[in-house]
Amino acid sequence: MIDGRQYSYSVGATLRECQDFLYEKGAINAMAMDGGSSAVLYAMGDIVNKPCGKNGNKGGRYLPDAWVVTANKGQDVKVTIDGKEETQQKIGQIMEP
């Protein structure tokens, strides 16, 4: 997930930059959905990025599409970023500028 352009928070990315980044990380398949201002990353019970709304309003937009990854009750879940296991606290810190 790549945030949209927000002054002093996120520079965003072009579709080509997204493609190149994912290819470098070894992705085989990818999907481009909506532009960055509607991007919301919800992990381990919290929104961990800073979605922006229209005209600077906080929060993303309501959209009819989403990627949802869930686990069964009691199932062990591990979140990895760049091959390293992360905790909820670490995920929040990664998303901060």
PDB file of N, CA and C in Angstrom:
ATOM      1  N   MET A   1       0.847  -1.152   0.000  1.00  0.00           N
ATOM      2  CA  MET A   1       0.000   0.000   0.000  1.00  0.00           C
ATOM      3  C   MET A   1       0.898   1.221   0.000  1.00  0.00           C
ATOM      4  N   ILE A   2       0.619   2.148  -0.891  1.00  0.00           N
ATOM      5  CA  ILE A   2       1.382   3.392  -0.980  1.00  0.00           C
ATOM      6  C   ILE A   2       0.418   4.544  -0.781  1.00  0.00           C
ATOM      7  N   ASP A   3       0.745   5.399   0.184  1.00  0.00           N
ATOM      8  CA  ASP A   3      -0.087   6.577   0.445  1.00  0.00           C
ATOM      9  C   ASP A   3      -0.037   7.544  -0.727  1.00  0.00           C
ATOM     10  N   GLY A   4      -1.085   8.336  -0.854  1.00  0.00           N
ATOM     11  CA  GLY A   4      -1.097   9.406  -1.841  1.00  0.00           C
ATOM     12  C   GLY A   4      -0.209  10.553  -1.388  1.00  0.00           C
ATOM     13  N   ARG A   5      -0.023  11.514  -2.248  1.00  0.00           N
ATOM     14  CA  ARG A   5       0.841  12.652  -1.926  1.00  0.00           C
ATOM     15  C   ARG A   5       0.230  13.491  -0.810  1.00  0.00           C
ATOM     16  N   GLN A   6       1.007  13.660   0.253  1.00  0.00           N
ATOM     17  CA  GLN A   6       0.609  14.512   1.374  1.00  0.00           C
ATOM     18  C   GLN A   6       1.855  15.251   1.836  1.00  0.00           C
ATOM     19  N   TYR A   7       1.797  16.564   1.843  1.00  0.00           N
ATOM     20  CA  TYR A   7       2.944  17.382   2.231  1.00  0.00           C
ATOM     21  C   TYR A   7       3.499  16.932   3.576  1.00  0.00           C
ATOM     22  N   SER A   8       4.778  16.740   3.656  1.00  0.00           N
ATOM     23  CA  SER A   8       5.551  16.351   4.847  1.00  0.00           C
ATOM     24  C   SER A   8       5.201  14.960   5.383  1.00  0.00           C
ATOM     25  N   TYR A   9       4.454  14.151   4.605  1.00  0.00           N
ATOM     26  CA  TYR A   9       4.142  12.787   5.056  1.00  0.00           C
ATOM     27  C   TYR A   9       4.465  11.750   3.993  1.00  0.00           C
ATOM     28  N   SER A  10       3.971  11.932   2.783  1.00  0.00           N
ATOM     29  CA  SER A  10       4.129  10.912   1.752  1.00  0.00           C
ATOM     30  C   SER A  10       4.306  11.567   0.387  1.00  0.00           C
ATOM     31  N   VAL A  11       5.260  11.056  -0.384  1.00  0.00           N
ATOM     32  CA  VAL A  11       5.484  11.599  -1.725  1.00  0.00           C
ATOM     33  C   VAL A  11       4.653  10.886  -2.782  1.00  0.00           C
ATOM     34  N   GLY A  12       3.964   9.812  -2.376  1.00  0.00           N
ATOM     35  CA  GLY A  12       3.164   9.061  -3.340  1.00  0.00           C
ATOM     36  C   GLY A  12       4.054   8.321  -4.326  1.00  0.00           C
ATOM     37  N   ALA A  13       3.490   7.838  -5.402  1.00  0.00           N
ATOM     38  CA  ALA A  13       4.252   7.117  -6.422  1.00  0.00           C
ATOM     39  C   ALA A  13       3.441   7.040  -7.702  1.00  0.00           C
ATOM     40  N   THR A  14       4.141   7.047  -8.812  1.00  0.00           N
ATOM     41  CA  THR A  14       3.476   6.826 -10.091  1.00  0.00           C
ATOM     42  C   THR A  14       3.232   5.330 -10.252  1.00  0.00           C
ATOM     43  N   LEU A  15       2.401   4.971 -11.207  1.00  0.00           N
ATOM     44  CA  LEU A  15       2.145   3.555 -11.466  1.00  0.00           C
ATOM     45  C   LEU A  15       3.444   2.837 -11.847  1.00  0.00           C
ATOM     46  N   ARG A  16       4.280   3.494 -12.626  1.00  0.00           N
ATOM     47  CA  ARG A  16       5.568   2.897 -13.020  1.00  0.00           C
ATOM     48  C   ARG A  16       6.471   2.698 -11.796  1.00  0.00           C
ATOM     49  N   GLU A  17       6.510   3.672 -10.888  1.00  0.00           N
ATOM     50  CA  GLU A  17       7.322   3.527  -9.673  1.00  0.00           C
ATOM     51  C   GLU A  17       6.818   2.361  -8.823  1.00  0.00           C
ATOM     52  N   CYS A  18       5.504   2.208  -8.741  1.00  0.00           N
ATOM     53  CA  CYS A  18       4.934   1.068  -8.010  1.00  0.00           C
ATOM     54  C   CYS A  18       5.362  -0.241  -8.658  1.00  0.00           C
ATOM     55  N   GLN A  19       5.262  -0.310  -9.982  1.00  0.00           N
ATOM     56  CA  GLN A  19       5.654  -1.509 -10.715  1.00  0.00           C
ATOM     57  C   GLN A  19       7.112  -1.854 -10.444  1.00  0.00           C
ATOM     58  N   ASP A  20       7.998  -0.869 -10.557  1.00  0.00           N
ATOM     59  CA  ASP A  20       9.427  -1.116 -10.357  1.00  0.00           C
ATOM     60  C   ASP A  20       9.718  -1.582  -8.935  1.00  0.00           C
ATOM     61  N   PHE A  21       9.074  -0.953  -7.950  1.00  0.00           N
ATOM     62  CA  PHE A  21       9.273  -1.329  -6.548  1.00  0.00           C
ATOM     63  C   PHE A  21       8.847  -2.778  -6.311  1.00  0.00           C
ATOM     64  N   LEU A  22       7.663  -3.138  -6.784  1.00  0.00           N
ATOM     65  CA  LEU A  22       7.164  -4.497  -6.575  1.00  0.00           C
ATOM     66  C   LEU A  22       8.029  -5.532  -7.296  1.00  0.00           C
ATOM     67  N   TYR A  23       8.483  -5.194  -8.488  1.00  0.00           N
ATOM     68  CA  TYR A  23       9.359  -6.104  -9.232  1.00  0.00           C
ATOM     69  C   TYR A  23      10.660  -6.341  -8.465  1.00  0.00           C
ATOM     70  N   GLU A  24      11.238  -5.260  -7.912  1.00  0.00           N
ATOM     71  CA  GLU A  24      12.473  -5.380  -7.121  1.00  0.00           C
ATOM     72  C   GLU A  24      12.277  -6.260  -5.894  1.00  0.00           C
ATOM     73  N   LYS A  25      11.070  -6.260  -5.333  1.00  0.00           N
ATOM     74  CA  LYS A  25      10.768  -7.060  -4.144  1.00  0.00           C
ATOM     75  C   LYS A  25      10.404  -8.497  -4.499  1.00  0.00           C
ATOM     76  N   GLY A  26      10.349  -8.813  -5.786  1.00  0.00           N
ATOM     77  CA  GLY A  26      10.080 -10.181  -6.199  1.00  0.00           C
ATOM     78  C   GLY A  26       8.622 -10.500  -6.470  1.00  0.00           C
ATOM     79  N   ALA A  27       7.777  -9.476  -6.562  1.00  0.00           N
ATOM     80  CA  ALA A  27       6.356  -9.721  -6.828  1.00  0.00           C
ATOM     81  C   ALA A  27       6.168 -10.342  -8.207  1.00  0.00           C
ATOM     82  N   ILE A  28       5.240 -11.271  -8.288  1.00  0.00           N
ATOM     83  CA  ILE A  28       4.904 -11.906  -9.558  1.00  0.00           C
ATOM     84  C   ILE A  28       3.597 -11.323 -10.089  1.00  0.00           C
ATOM     85  N   ASN A  29       2.646 -11.080  -9.202  1.00  0.00           N
ATOM     86  CA  ASN A  29       1.357 -10.494  -9.558  1.00  0.00           C
ATOM     87  C   ASN A  29       1.117  -9.265  -8.696  1.00  0.00           C
ATOM     88  N   ALA A  30       0.402  -8.293  -9.246  1.00  0.00           N
ATOM     89  CA  ALA A  30       0.051  -7.084  -8.500  1.00  0.00           C
ATOM     90  C   ALA A  30      -1.264  -6.557  -9.047  1.00  0.00           C
ATOM     91  N   MET A  31      -1.892  -5.684  -8.288  1.00  0.00           N
ATOM     92  CA  MET A  31      -3.149  -5.096  -8.728  1.00  0.00           C
ATOM     93  C   MET A  31      -3.172  -3.630  -8.333  1.00  0.00           C
ATOM     94  N   ALA A  32      -3.437  -2.758  -9.297  1.00  0.00           N
ATOM     95  CA  ALA A  32      -3.598  -1.336  -9.019  1.00  0.00           C
ATOM     96  C   ALA A  32      -5.086  -1.083  -8.831  1.00  0.00           C
ATOM     97  N   MET A  33      -5.434  -0.526  -7.698  1.00  0.00           N
ATOM     98  CA  MET A  33      -6.847  -0.241  -7.445  1.00  0.00           C
ATOM     99  C   MET A  33      -7.082   1.246  -7.634  1.00  0.00           C
ATOM    100  N   ASP A  34      -7.364   1.980  -6.578  1.00  0.00           N
ATOM    101  CA  ASP A  34      -7.645   3.404  -6.672  1.00  0.00           C
ATOM    102  C   ASP A  34      -6.374   4.189  -6.381  1.00  0.00           C
ATOM    103  N   GLY A  35      -6.396   5.470  -6.646  1.00  0.00           N
ATOM    104  CA  GLY A  35      -5.259   6.326  -6.337  1.00  0.00           C
ATOM    105  C   GLY A  35      -4.987   6.409  -4.845  1.00  0.00           C
ATOM    106  N   GLY A  36      -3.863   6.986  -4.479  1.00  0.00           N
ATOM    107  CA  GLY A  36      -3.366   6.957  -3.112  1.00  0.00           C
ATOM    108  C   GLY A  36      -4.208   7.617  -2.042  1.00  0.00           C
ATOM    109  N   SER A  37      -5.018   8.618  -2.364  1.00  0.00           N
ATOM    110  CA  SER A  37      -5.743   9.314  -1.295  1.00  0.00           C
ATOM    111  C   SER A  37      -6.789   8.437  -0.622  1.00  0.00           C
ATOM    112  N   SER A  38      -7.161   7.343  -1.249  1.00  0.00           N
ATOM    113  CA  SER A  38      -8.136   6.441  -0.638  1.00  0.00           C
ATOM    114  C   SER A  38      -7.466   5.230   0.000  1.00  0.00           C
ATOM    115  N   ALA A  39      -6.135   5.193   0.009  1.00  0.00           N
ATOM    116  CA  ALA A  39      -5.401   4.046   0.543  1.00  0.00           C
ATOM    117  C   ALA A  39      -5.429   4.052   2.071  1.00  0.00           C
ATOM    118  N   VAL A  40      -5.915   2.968   2.643  1.00  0.00           N
ATOM    119  CA  VAL A  40      -5.957   2.821   4.100  1.00  0.00           C
ATOM    120  C   VAL A  40      -5.332   1.479   4.451  1.00  0.00           C
ATOM    121  N   LEU A  41      -4.378   1.503   5.384  1.00  0.00           N
ATOM    122  CA  LEU A  41      -3.770   0.267   5.863  1.00  0.00           C
ATOM    123  C   LEU A  41      -4.248   0.032   7.287  1.00  0.00           C
ATOM    124  N   TYR A  42      -5.054  -1.014   7.446  1.00  0.00           N
ATOM    125  CA  TYR A  42      -5.610  -1.404   8.742  1.00  0.00           C
ATOM    126  C   TYR A  42      -4.934  -2.703   9.128  1.00  0.00           C
ATOM    127  N   ALA A  43      -4.151  -2.681  10.200  1.00  0.00           N
ATOM    128  CA  ALA A  43      -3.410  -3.875  10.601  1.00  0.00           C
ATOM    129  C   ALA A  43      -3.481  -4.047  12.108  1.00  0.00           C
ATOM    130  N   MET A  44      -3.773  -5.251  12.525  1.00  0.00           N
ATOM    131  CA  MET A  44      -3.783  -5.606  13.939  1.00  0.00           C
ATOM    132  C   MET A  44      -4.658  -4.666  14.774  1.00  0.00           C
ATOM    133  N   GLY A  45      -5.803  -4.266  14.218  1.00  0.00           N
ATOM    134  CA  GLY A  45      -6.777  -3.496  14.974  1.00  0.00           C
ATOM    135  C   GLY A  45      -6.683  -1.990  14.874  1.00  0.00           C
ATOM    136  N   ASP A  46      -5.763  -1.461  14.082  1.00  0.00           N
ATOM    137  CA  ASP A  46      -5.612  -0.009  13.968  1.00  0.00           C
ATOM    138  C   ASP A  46      -5.350   0.409  12.529  1.00  0.00           C
ATOM    139  N   ILE A  47      -5.765   1.640  12.202  1.00  0.00           N
ATOM    140  CA  ILE A  47      -5.350   2.256  10.946  1.00  0.00           C
ATOM    141  C   ILE A  47      -3.950   2.788  11.198  1.00  0.00           C
ATOM    142  N   VAL A  48      -2.973   2.338  10.416  1.00  0.00           N
ATOM    143  CA  VAL A  48      -1.585   2.677  10.710  1.00  0.00           C
ATOM    144  C   VAL A  48      -0.973   3.686   9.736  1.00  0.00           C
ATOM    145  N   ASN A  49      -1.732   4.135   8.754  1.00  0.00           N
ATOM    146  CA  ASN A  49      -1.238   5.225   7.922  1.00  0.00           C
ATOM    147  C   ASN A  49      -2.106   6.450   8.182  1.00  0.00           C
ATOM    148  N   LYS A  50      -1.915   7.491   7.415  1.00  0.00           N
ATOM    149  CA  LYS A  50      -2.693   8.720   7.590  1.00  0.00           C
ATOM    150  C   LYS A  50      -3.446   9.022   6.301  1.00  0.00           C
ATOM    151  N   PRO A  51      -4.575   8.328   6.090  1.00  0.00           N
ATOM    152  CA  PRO A  51      -5.320   8.579   4.856  1.00  0.00           C
ATOM    153  C   PRO A  51      -5.847  10.005   4.817  1.00  0.00           C
ATOM    154  N   CYS A  52      -5.846  10.592   3.631  1.00  0.00           N
ATOM    155  CA  CYS A  52      -6.377  11.947   3.500  1.00  0.00           C
ATOM    156  C   CYS A  52      -7.652  11.897   2.684  1.00  0.00           C
ATOM    157  N   GLY A  53      -8.549  12.772   2.991  1.00  0.00           N
ATOM    158  CA  GLY A  53      -9.796  12.856   2.251  1.00  0.00           C
ATOM    159  C   GLY A  53      -9.771  14.048   1.314  1.00  0.00           C
ATOM    160  N   LYS A  54     -10.862  14.275   0.655  1.00  0.00           N
ATOM    161  CA  LYS A  54     -10.983  15.390  -0.274  1.00  0.00           C
ATOM    162  C   LYS A  54     -10.816  16.712   0.467  1.00  0.00           C
ATOM    163  N   ASN A  55     -10.105  17.637  -0.129  1.00  0.00           N
ATOM    164  CA  ASN A  55      -9.859  18.962   0.442  1.00  0.00           C
ATOM    165  C   ASN A  55      -9.203  18.898   1.814  1.00  0.00           C
ATOM    166  N   GLY A  56      -8.356  17.890   2.045  1.00  0.00           N
ATOM    167  CA  GLY A  56      -7.609  17.812   3.290  1.00  0.00           C
ATOM    168  C   GLY A  56      -8.347  17.198   4.455  1.00  0.00           C
ATOM    169  N   ASN A  57      -9.592  16.753   4.259  1.00  0.00           N
ATOM    170  CA  ASN A  57     -10.320  16.104   5.351  1.00  0.00           C
ATOM    171  C   ASN A  57      -9.603  14.829   5.746  1.00  0.00           C
ATOM    172  N   LYS A  58      -9.642  14.496   7.022  1.00  0.00           N
ATOM    173  CA  LYS A  58      -8.996  13.275   7.491  1.00  0.00           C
ATOM    174  C   LYS A  58      -9.827  12.069   7.097  1.00  0.00           C
ATOM    175  N   GLY A  59      -9.154  10.974   6.858  1.00  0.00           N
ATOM    176  CA  GLY A  59      -9.844   9.729   6.540  1.00  0.00           C
ATOM    177  C   GLY A  59      -9.935   9.490   5.053  1.00  0.00           C
ATOM    178  N   GLY A  60     -10.012   8.238   4.688  1.00  0.00           N
ATOM    179  CA  GLY A  60     -10.112   7.863   3.287  1.00  0.00           C
ATOM    180  C   GLY A  60     -11.515   8.052   2.755  1.00  0.00           C
ATOM    181  N   ARG A  61     -11.697   7.647   1.506  1.00  0.00           N
ATOM    182  CA  ARG A  61     -13.016   7.731   0.879  1.00  0.00           C
ATOM    183  C   ARG A  61     -13.685   6.372   0.940  1.00  0.00           C
ATOM    184  N   TYR A  62     -15.007   6.363   0.901  1.00  0.00           N
ATOM    185  CA  TYR A  62     -15.737   5.101   0.833  1.00  0.00           C
ATOM    186  C   TYR A  62     -15.651   4.576  -0.592  1.00  0.00           C
ATOM    187  N   LEU A  63     -15.150   3.362  -0.729  1.00  0.00           N
ATOM    188  CA  LEU A  63     -14.992   2.748  -2.041  1.00  0.00           C
ATOM    189  C   LEU A  63     -15.524   1.321  -1.999  1.00  0.00           C
ATOM    190  N   PRO A  64     -15.987   0.818  -3.137  1.00  0.00           N
ATOM    191  CA  PRO A  64     -16.565  -0.530  -3.156  1.00  0.00           C
ATOM    192  C   PRO A  64     -15.540  -1.648  -3.337  1.00  0.00           C
ATOM    193  N   ASP A  65     -14.245  -1.332  -3.266  1.00  0.00           N
ATOM    194  CA  ASP A  65     -13.249  -2.385  -3.459  1.00  0.00           C
ATOM    195  C   ASP A  65     -12.213  -2.368  -2.337  1.00  0.00           C
ATOM    196  N   ALA A  66     -11.699  -3.547  -2.029  1.00  0.00           N
ATOM    197  CA  ALA A  66     -10.717  -3.661  -0.947  1.00  0.00           C
ATOM    198  C   ALA A  66      -9.973  -4.980  -1.062  1.00  0.00           C
ATOM    199  N   TRP A  67      -8.785  -5.018  -0.526  1.00  0.00           N
ATOM    200  CA  TRP A  67      -8.061  -6.265  -0.293  1.00  0.00           C
ATOM    201  C   TRP A  67      -8.198  -6.539   1.185  1.00  0.00           C
ATOM    202  N   VAL A  68      -8.693  -7.690   1.537  1.00  0.00           N
ATOM    203  CA  VAL A  68      -8.887  -8.045   2.940  1.00  0.00           C
ATOM    204  C   VAL A  68      -8.201  -9.382   3.195  1.00  0.00           C
ATOM    205  N   VAL A  69      -7.333  -9.395   4.195  1.00  0.00           N
ATOM    206  CA  VAL A  69      -6.661 -10.627   4.609  1.00  0.00           C
ATOM    207  C   VAL A  69      -7.046 -10.857   6.059  1.00  0.00           C
ATOM    208  N   THR A  70      -7.636 -12.000   6.347  1.00  0.00           N
ATOM    209  CA  THR A  70      -8.093 -12.292   7.702  1.00  0.00           C
ATOM    210  C   THR A  70      -7.534 -13.628   8.171  1.00  0.00           C
ATOM    211  N   ALA A  71      -7.728 -13.888   9.443  1.00  0.00           N
ATOM    212  CA  ALA A  71      -7.318 -15.171  10.021  1.00  0.00           C
ATOM    213  C   ALA A  71      -8.499 -15.752  10.778  1.00  0.00           C
ATOM    214  N   ASN A  72      -8.518 -17.050  10.908  1.00  0.00           N
ATOM    215  CA  ASN A  72      -9.540 -17.705  11.711  1.00  0.00           C
ATOM    216  C   ASN A  72      -9.292 -17.432  13.191  1.00  0.00           C
ATOM    217  N   LYS A  73     -10.338 -17.480  13.986  1.00  0.00           N
ATOM    218  CA  LYS A  73     -10.222 -17.259  15.421  1.00  0.00           C
ATOM    219  C   LYS A  73      -9.180 -18.216  16.003  1.00  0.00           C
ATOM    220  N   GLY A  74      -8.230 -17.652  16.752  1.00  0.00           N
ATOM    221  CA  GLY A  74      -7.197 -18.454  17.389  1.00  0.00           C
ATOM    222  C   GLY A  74      -6.017 -18.804  16.497  1.00  0.00           C
ATOM    223  N   GLN A  75      -6.089 -18.430  15.231  1.00  0.00           N
ATOM    224  CA  GLN A  75      -5.002 -18.745  14.304  1.00  0.00           C
ATOM    225  C   GLN A  75      -3.815 -17.814  14.553  1.00  0.00           C
ATOM    226  N   ASP A  76      -2.611 -18.364  14.561  1.00  0.00           N
ATOM    227  CA  ASP A  76      -1.397 -17.577  14.738  1.00  0.00           C
ATOM    228  C   ASP A  76      -1.142 -16.764  13.474  1.00  0.00           C
ATOM    229  N   VAL A  77      -0.934 -15.461  13.634  1.00  0.00           N
ATOM    230  CA  VAL A  77      -0.713 -14.577  12.500  1.00  0.00           C
ATOM    231  C   VAL A  77       0.633 -13.883  12.665  1.00  0.00           C
ATOM    232  N   LYS A  78       1.409 -13.874  11.605  1.00  0.00           N
ATOM    233  CA  LYS A  78       2.688 -13.172  11.610  1.00  0.00           C
ATOM    234  C   LYS A  78       2.693 -12.186  10.455  1.00  0.00           C
ATOM    235  N   VAL A  79       3.059 -10.936  10.750  1.00  0.00           N
ATOM    236  CA  VAL A  79       3.157  -9.900   9.733  1.00  0.00           C
ATOM    237  C   VAL A  79       4.634  -9.680   9.454  1.00  0.00           C
ATOM    238  N   THR A  80       5.015  -9.754   8.189  1.00  0.00           N
ATOM    239  CA  THR A  80       6.411  -9.506   7.835  1.00  0.00           C
ATOM    240  C   THR A  80       6.501  -8.356   6.843  1.00  0.00           C
ATOM    241  N   ILE A  81       7.514  -7.539   7.012  1.00  0.00           N
ATOM    242  CA  ILE A  81       7.819  -6.450   6.090  1.00  0.00           C
ATOM    243  C   ILE A  81       9.284  -6.601   5.726  1.00  0.00           C
ATOM    244  N   ASP A  82       9.566  -6.718   4.454  1.00  0.00           N
ATOM    245  CA  ASP A  82      10.931  -6.971   3.979  1.00  0.00           C
ATOM    246  C   ASP A  82      11.545  -8.184   4.655  1.00  0.00           C
ATOM    247  N   GLY A  83      10.747  -9.213   4.880  1.00  0.00           N
ATOM    248  CA  GLY A  83      11.241 -10.459   5.434  1.00  0.00           C
ATOM    249  C   GLY A  83      11.453 -10.473   6.935  1.00  0.00           C
ATOM    250  N   LYS A  84      11.100  -9.383   7.618  1.00  0.00           N
ATOM    251  CA  LYS A  84      11.279  -9.311   9.069  1.00  0.00           C
ATOM    252  C   LYS A  84       9.918  -9.282   9.745  1.00  0.00           C
ATOM    253  N   GLU A  85       9.762 -10.102  10.790  1.00  0.00           N
ATOM    254  CA  GLU A  85       8.496 -10.142  11.513  1.00  0.00           C
ATOM    255  C   GLU A  85       8.285  -8.827  12.259  1.00  0.00           C
ATOM    256  N   GLU A  86       7.074  -8.310  12.186  1.00  0.00           N
ATOM    257  CA  GLU A  86       6.755  -7.018  12.792  1.00  0.00           C
ATOM    258  C   GLU A  86       5.655  -7.156  13.831  1.00  0.00           C
ATOM    259  N   THR A  87       5.620  -6.220  14.756  1.00  0.00           N
ATOM    260  CA  THR A  87       4.551  -6.135  15.745  1.00  0.00           C
ATOM    261  C   THR A  87       3.677  -4.943  15.389  1.00  0.00           C
ATOM    262  N   GLN A  88       2.535  -4.815  16.068  1.00  0.00           N
ATOM    263  CA  GLN A  88       1.652  -3.677  15.820  1.00  0.00           C
ATOM    264  C   GLN A  88       2.399  -2.371  16.066  1.00  0.00           C
ATOM    265  N   GLN A  89       3.181  -2.302  17.137  1.00  0.00           N
ATOM    266  CA  GLN A  89       3.917  -1.082  17.459  1.00  0.00           C
ATOM    267  C   GLN A  89       4.923  -0.758  16.352  1.00  0.00           C
ATOM    268  N   LYS A  90       5.644  -1.760  15.882  1.00  0.00           N
ATOM    269  CA  LYS A  90       6.626  -1.528  14.827  1.00  0.00           C
ATOM    270  C   LYS A  90       5.957  -1.082  13.535  1.00  0.00           C
ATOM    271  N   ILE A  91       4.794  -1.645  13.218  1.00  0.00           N
ATOM    272  CA  ILE A  91       4.089  -1.254  11.997  1.00  0.00           C
ATOM    273  C   ILE A  91       3.721   0.220  12.073  1.00  0.00           C
ATOM    274  N   GLY A  92       3.206   0.672  13.209  1.00  0.00           N
ATOM    275  CA  GLY A  92       2.875   2.080  13.384  1.00  0.00           C
ATOM    276  C   GLY A  92       4.088   2.978  13.232  1.00  0.00           C
ATOM    277  N   GLN A  93       5.230   2.554  13.752  1.00  0.00           N
ATOM    278  CA  GLN A  93       6.452   3.345  13.649  1.00  0.00           C
ATOM    279  C   GLN A  93       6.953   3.405  12.214  1.00  0.00           C
ATOM    280  N   ILE A  94       6.815   2.333  11.487  1.00  0.00           N
ATOM    281  CA  ILE A  94       7.242   2.302  10.088  1.00  0.00           C
ATOM    282  C   ILE A  94       6.444   3.311   9.278  1.00  0.00           C
ATOM    283  N   MET A  95       5.164   3.465   9.592  1.00  0.00           N
ATOM    284  CA  MET A  95       4.301   4.351   8.819  1.00  0.00           C
ATOM    285  C   MET A  95       4.498   5.822   9.176  1.00  0.00           C
ATOM    286  N   GLU A  96       5.149   6.132  10.294  1.00  0.00           N
ATOM    287  CA  GLU A  96       5.374   7.525  10.682  1.00  0.00           C
ATOM    288  C   GLU A  96       6.495   8.110   9.838  1.00  0.00           C
ATOM    289  N   PRO A  97       6.400   9.414   9.494  1.00  0.00           N
ATOM    290  CA  PRO A  97       7.467  10.044   8.683  1.00  0.00           C
ATOM    291  C   PRO A  97       8.750  10.180   9.478  1.00  0.00           C
TER     292      PRO A  97
END
